[in-house]
Amino acid sequence: MRLRETFIYEEMVKLTPGYVGADIQTLCKEASTIAVERIINGRPKDGNDEDVQDLDDIYIELDDF
């Protein structure tokens, strides 16, 4: 999973004072899991796959952290 090009790293830094590399790695893994759940739960429940997003349009958002 990727971060959006407009991702505001400064906001992420403000949210993670005192974090070390391992903490940030774990946080990123959790954020990607939350992003996948957000994307899956946003799909229509009628089984119609026409609204499925292109994988190139899927990003981790700051809110996923």
Protein backbone atom coordinates (compact mmCIF):
# COMPACT_ATOMS: atom_id res chain seq x y z
CA MET A 1 0.00 0.00 0.00
CA ARG A 2 1.14 3.50 -0.70
CA LEU A 3 0.75 6.90 0.85
CA ARG A 4 -0.94 9.57 -1.21
CA GLU A 5 1.52 12.02 -2.81
CA THR A 6 -0.10 14.82 -0.82
CA PHE A 7 0.37 12.96 2.49
CA ILE A 8 1.30 15.49 5.19
CA TYR A 9 4.32 13.99 6.91
CA GLU A 10 4.49 16.87 9.37
CA GLU A 11 1.11 15.81 10.80
CA MET A 12 2.38 12.25 11.16
CA VAL A 13 5.44 13.52 13.03
CA LYS A 14 3.20 15.48 15.41
CA LEU A 15 1.20 12.31 16.14
CA THR A 16 4.24 10.14 16.92
CA PRO A 17 6.50 11.91 19.44
CA GLY A 18 9.07 9.55 20.94
CA TYR A 19 8.38 6.76 18.46
CA VAL A 20 11.35 4.71 17.31
CA GLY A 21 11.68 2.95 13.95
CA ALA A 22 10.05 -0.28 15.16
CA ASP A 23 7.07 1.67 16.53
CA ILE A 24 6.57 3.45 13.22
CA GLN A 25 6.90 0.19 11.30
CA THR A 26 4.16 -1.39 13.43
CA LEU A 27 2.01 1.72 13.11
CA CYS A 28 2.32 1.60 9.31
CA LYS A 29 1.33 -2.06 9.21
CA GLU A 30 -1.75 -1.32 11.31
CA ALA A 31 -2.62 1.69 9.15
CA SER A 32 -2.47 -0.47 6.02
CA THR A 33 -4.81 -3.00 7.64
CA ILE A 34 -7.24 -0.23 8.55
CA ALA A 35 -7.02 1.17 5.02
CA VAL A 36 -7.86 -2.23 3.51
CA GLU A 37 -10.85 -2.56 5.87
CA ARG A 38 -11.98 0.96 4.93
CA ILE A 39 -11.77 0.14 1.24
CA ILE A 40 -13.50 -3.24 1.57
CA ASN A 41 -16.28 -1.84 3.76
CA GLY A 42 -16.82 0.95 1.24
CA ARG A 43 -17.67 -1.51 -1.54
CA PRO A 44 -21.29 -2.00 -2.50
CA LYS A 45 -22.89 -5.01 -0.83
CA ASP A 46 -24.89 -6.04 -3.90
CA GLY A 47 -21.95 -7.97 -5.36
CA ASN A 48 -21.56 -5.57 -8.25
CA ASP A 49 -17.83 -5.20 -8.88
CA GLU A 50 -18.26 -2.32 -11.33
CA ASP A 51 -17.53 0.19 -8.55
CA VAL A 52 -14.32 -1.52 -7.44
CA GLN A 53 -11.51 0.99 -7.44
CA ASP A 54 -8.42 0.60 -9.55
CA LEU A 55 -5.52 -0.49 -7.36
CA ASP A 56 -3.57 2.56 -8.52
CA ASP A 57 -6.18 4.73 -6.78
CA ILE A 58 -5.87 3.08 -3.37
CA TYR A 59 -3.78 4.83 -0.74
CA ILE A 60 -3.29 4.93 3.00
CA GLU A 61 -4.83 8.12 4.36
CA LEU A 62 -3.68 10.05 7.45
CA ASP A 63 -6.98 9.08 9.13
CA ASP A 64 -5.94 5.41 8.86
CA PHE A 65 -3.18 6.12 11.35
